[in-house]
Amino acid sequence: MKFIILFEDNPDADPGIRQEHTPDHLAFLERNRANIESAGPLFEAEGSGAGGIWILDAPDPEVVESLVHEDPFWPTGLRKSYRILQWKQVFADGERQI
């Protein structure tokens, strides 16, 4: 089952938190590559930060929730909130998926 996670960053978080924890965050993503297919930061049109996104393949929302809380970014205060959305992919790589 495909999921999208939308992360909202905490505007009051220390600006150095992301840089400090990025190596551990990237290692976490690599260790969980079986579930986390894509990940990266989001930006507003003018370039300011707007959180992050993950695209996952997981058996259920509970697995997704566990991954969110295991991410080294989670306990730092960088993330303000997250939203788990189930996603039905209908088009990829130039082809219909249904």
C-alpha atoms as a PDB file:
ATOM      1  CA  MET A   1       0.000   0.000   0.000  1.00  0.00           C
ATOM      2  CA  LYS A   2       1.346   3.434  -0.907  1.00  0.00           C
ATOM      3  CA  PHE A   3       1.427   6.307   1.571  1.00  0.00           C
ATOM      4  CA  ILE A   4       2.430   9.956   1.488  1.00  0.00           C
ATOM      5  CA  ILE A   5       3.693  11.610   4.662  1.00  0.00           C
ATOM      6  CA  LEU A   6       3.571  15.390   4.786  1.00  0.00           C
ATOM      7  CA  PHE A   7       5.745  16.911   7.509  1.00  0.00           C
ATOM      8  CA  GLU A   8       5.287  20.430   8.825  1.00  0.00           C
ATOM      9  CA  ASP A   9       8.427  21.916  10.365  1.00  0.00           C
ATOM     10  CA  ASN A  10       8.351  23.792  13.642  1.00  0.00           C
ATOM     11  CA  PRO A  11       8.986  27.489  12.879  1.00  0.00           C
ATOM     12  CA  ASP A  12      10.418  27.941  16.401  1.00  0.00           C
ATOM     13  CA  ALA A  13      12.997  25.143  16.031  1.00  0.00           C
ATOM     14  CA  ASP A  14      16.687  25.941  16.241  1.00  0.00           C
ATOM     15  CA  PRO A  15      17.870  26.539  12.636  1.00  0.00           C
ATOM     16  CA  GLY A  16      20.924  24.308  13.194  1.00  0.00           C
ATOM     17  CA  ILE A  17      18.902  21.210  14.100  1.00  0.00           C
ATOM     18  CA  ARG A  18      18.394  20.064  10.506  1.00  0.00           C
ATOM     19  CA  GLN A  19      22.060  20.335   9.602  1.00  0.00           C
ATOM     20  CA  GLU A  20      23.180  18.663  12.831  1.00  0.00           C
ATOM     21  CA  HIS A  21      20.890  15.636  12.431  1.00  0.00           C
ATOM     22  CA  THR A  22      20.903  15.242   8.628  1.00  0.00           C
ATOM     23  CA  PRO A  23      23.611  12.524   8.564  1.00  0.00           C
ATOM     24  CA  ASP A  24      21.613  10.363  11.015  1.00  0.00           C
ATOM     25  CA  HIS A  25      18.366  11.128   9.162  1.00  0.00           C
ATOM     26  CA  LEU A  26      19.869  10.065   5.812  1.00  0.00           C
ATOM     27  CA  ALA A  27      21.289   6.873   7.357  1.00  0.00           C
ATOM     28  CA  PHE A  28      17.806   6.142   8.765  1.00  0.00           C
ATOM     29  CA  LEU A  29      16.262   6.594   5.301  1.00  0.00           C
ATOM     30  CA  GLU A  30      18.860   4.244   3.805  1.00  0.00           C
ATOM     31  CA  ARG A  31      18.203   1.588   6.471  1.00  0.00           C
ATOM     32  CA  ASN A  32      14.477   1.803   5.714  1.00  0.00           C
ATOM     33  CA  ARG A  33      14.703   1.849   1.917  1.00  0.00           C
ATOM     34  CA  ALA A  34      12.437  -1.205   1.744  1.00  0.00           C
ATOM     35  CA  ASN A  35       9.556   1.047   2.844  1.00  0.00           C
ATOM     36  CA  ILE A  36      10.641   4.637   2.191  1.00  0.00           C
ATOM     37  CA  GLU A  37      10.860   5.043  -1.584  1.00  0.00           C
ATOM     38  CA  SER A  38      11.461   8.803  -1.750  1.00  0.00           C
ATOM     39  CA  ALA A  39      12.006  11.617   0.736  1.00  0.00           C
ATOM     40  CA  GLY A  40      12.971  15.254   0.726  1.00  0.00           C
ATOM     41  CA  PRO A  41      12.306  18.798   1.892  1.00  0.00           C
ATOM     42  CA  LEU A  42       9.489  20.963   0.567  1.00  0.00           C
ATOM     43  CA  PHE A  43       9.762  24.671  -0.246  1.00  0.00           C
ATOM     44  CA  GLU A  44       7.372  27.532  -0.811  1.00  0.00           C
ATOM     45  CA  ALA A  45       7.458  29.106  -4.292  1.00  0.00           C
ATOM     46  CA  GLU A  46       9.749  31.896  -3.042  1.00  0.00           C
ATOM     47  CA  GLY A  47      12.170  29.347  -1.581  1.00  0.00           C
ATOM     48  CA  SER A  48      11.432  29.279   2.155  1.00  0.00           C
ATOM     49  CA  GLY A  49      11.188  25.889   3.829  1.00  0.00           C
ATOM     50  CA  ALA A  50       7.762  24.222   3.978  1.00  0.00           C
ATOM     51  CA  GLY A  51       8.440  20.882   5.712  1.00  0.00           C
ATOM     52  CA  GLY A  52       9.087  17.578   4.006  1.00  0.00           C
ATOM     53  CA  ILE A  53       7.538  14.626   2.208  1.00  0.00           C
ATOM     54  CA  TRP A  54       8.005  10.867   2.146  1.00  0.00           C
ATOM     55  CA  ILE A  55       6.559   8.388  -0.328  1.00  0.00           C
ATOM     56  CA  LEU A  56       6.299   4.933   1.212  1.00  0.00           C
ATOM     57  CA  ASP A  57       5.207   1.416   0.454  1.00  0.00           C
ATOM     58  CA  ALA A  58       4.068  -0.269   3.670  1.00  0.00           C
ATOM     59  CA  PRO A  59       1.540  -2.923   4.701  1.00  0.00           C
ATOM     60  CA  ASP A  60      -0.460  -0.588   6.961  1.00  0.00           C
ATOM     61  CA  PRO A  61      -0.536   2.868   8.579  1.00  0.00           C
ATOM     62  CA  GLU A  62       0.906   1.521  11.839  1.00  0.00           C
ATOM     63  CA  VAL A  63       4.204   0.698  10.104  1.00  0.00           C
ATOM     64  CA  VAL A  64       4.271   4.216   8.669  1.00  0.00           C
ATOM     65  CA  GLU A  65       3.577   5.748  12.087  1.00  0.00           C
ATOM     66  CA  SER A  66       6.449   3.738  13.597  1.00  0.00           C
ATOM     67  CA  LEU A  67       8.857   4.943  10.930  1.00  0.00           C
ATOM     68  CA  VAL A  68       7.892   8.577  11.535  1.00  0.00           C
ATOM     69  CA  HIS A  69       8.698   8.233  15.234  1.00  0.00           C
ATOM     70  CA  GLU A  70      11.967   6.342  14.599  1.00  0.00           C
ATOM     71  CA  ASP A  71      13.285   9.110  12.327  1.00  0.00           C
ATOM     72  CA  PRO A  72      16.153  10.958  14.065  1.00  0.00           C
ATOM     73  CA  PHE A  73      14.487  14.280  13.128  1.00  0.00           C
ATOM     74  CA  TRP A  74      11.350  13.478  15.166  1.00  0.00           C
ATOM     75  CA  PRO A  75      12.617  13.876  18.774  1.00  0.00           C
ATOM     76  CA  THR A  76      14.635  17.032  17.990  1.00  0.00           C
ATOM     77  CA  GLY A  77      11.682  19.426  17.821  1.00  0.00           C
ATOM     78  CA  LEU A  78      12.300  20.104  14.119  1.00  0.00           C
ATOM     79  CA  ARG A  79       8.957  18.608  13.104  1.00  0.00           C
ATOM     80  CA  LYS A  80       5.786  20.335  14.276  1.00  0.00           C
ATOM     81  CA  SER A  81       3.356  17.790  12.849  1.00  0.00           C
ATOM     82  CA  TYR A  82       2.830  15.153  10.193  1.00  0.00           C
ATOM     83  CA  ARG A  83      -0.025  13.811   8.142  1.00  0.00           C
ATOM     84  CA  ILE A  84      -0.297  10.233   6.843  1.00  0.00           C
ATOM     85  CA  LEU A  85      -2.242   9.877   3.597  1.00  0.00           C
ATOM     86  CA  GLN A  86      -2.964   6.660   1.725  1.00  0.00           C
ATOM     87  CA  TRP A  87      -2.148   7.119  -1.968  1.00  0.00           C
ATOM     88  CA  LYS A  88      -3.487   5.269  -4.977  1.00  0.00           C
ATOM     89  CA  GLN A  89      -0.930   5.735  -7.727  1.00  0.00           C
ATOM     90  CA  VAL A  90      -2.585   5.692 -11.149  1.00  0.00           C
ATOM     91  CA  PHE A  91       0.255   6.977 -13.341  1.00  0.00           C
ATOM     92  CA  ALA A  92       4.045   6.466 -13.206  1.00  0.00           C
ATOM     93  CA  ASP A  93       6.985   6.446 -15.600  1.00  0.00           C
ATOM     94  CA  GLY A  94       4.747   7.561 -18.468  1.00  0.00           C
ATOM     95  CA  GLU A  95       2.322   4.674 -18.051  1.00  0.00           C
ATOM     96  CA  ARG A  96      -1.062   4.025 -16.513  1.00  0.00           C
ATOM     97  CA  GLN A  97      -0.886   1.937 -13.358  1.00  0.00           C
ATOM     98  CA  ILE A  98      -4.552   0.914 -13.384  1.00  0.00           C
END
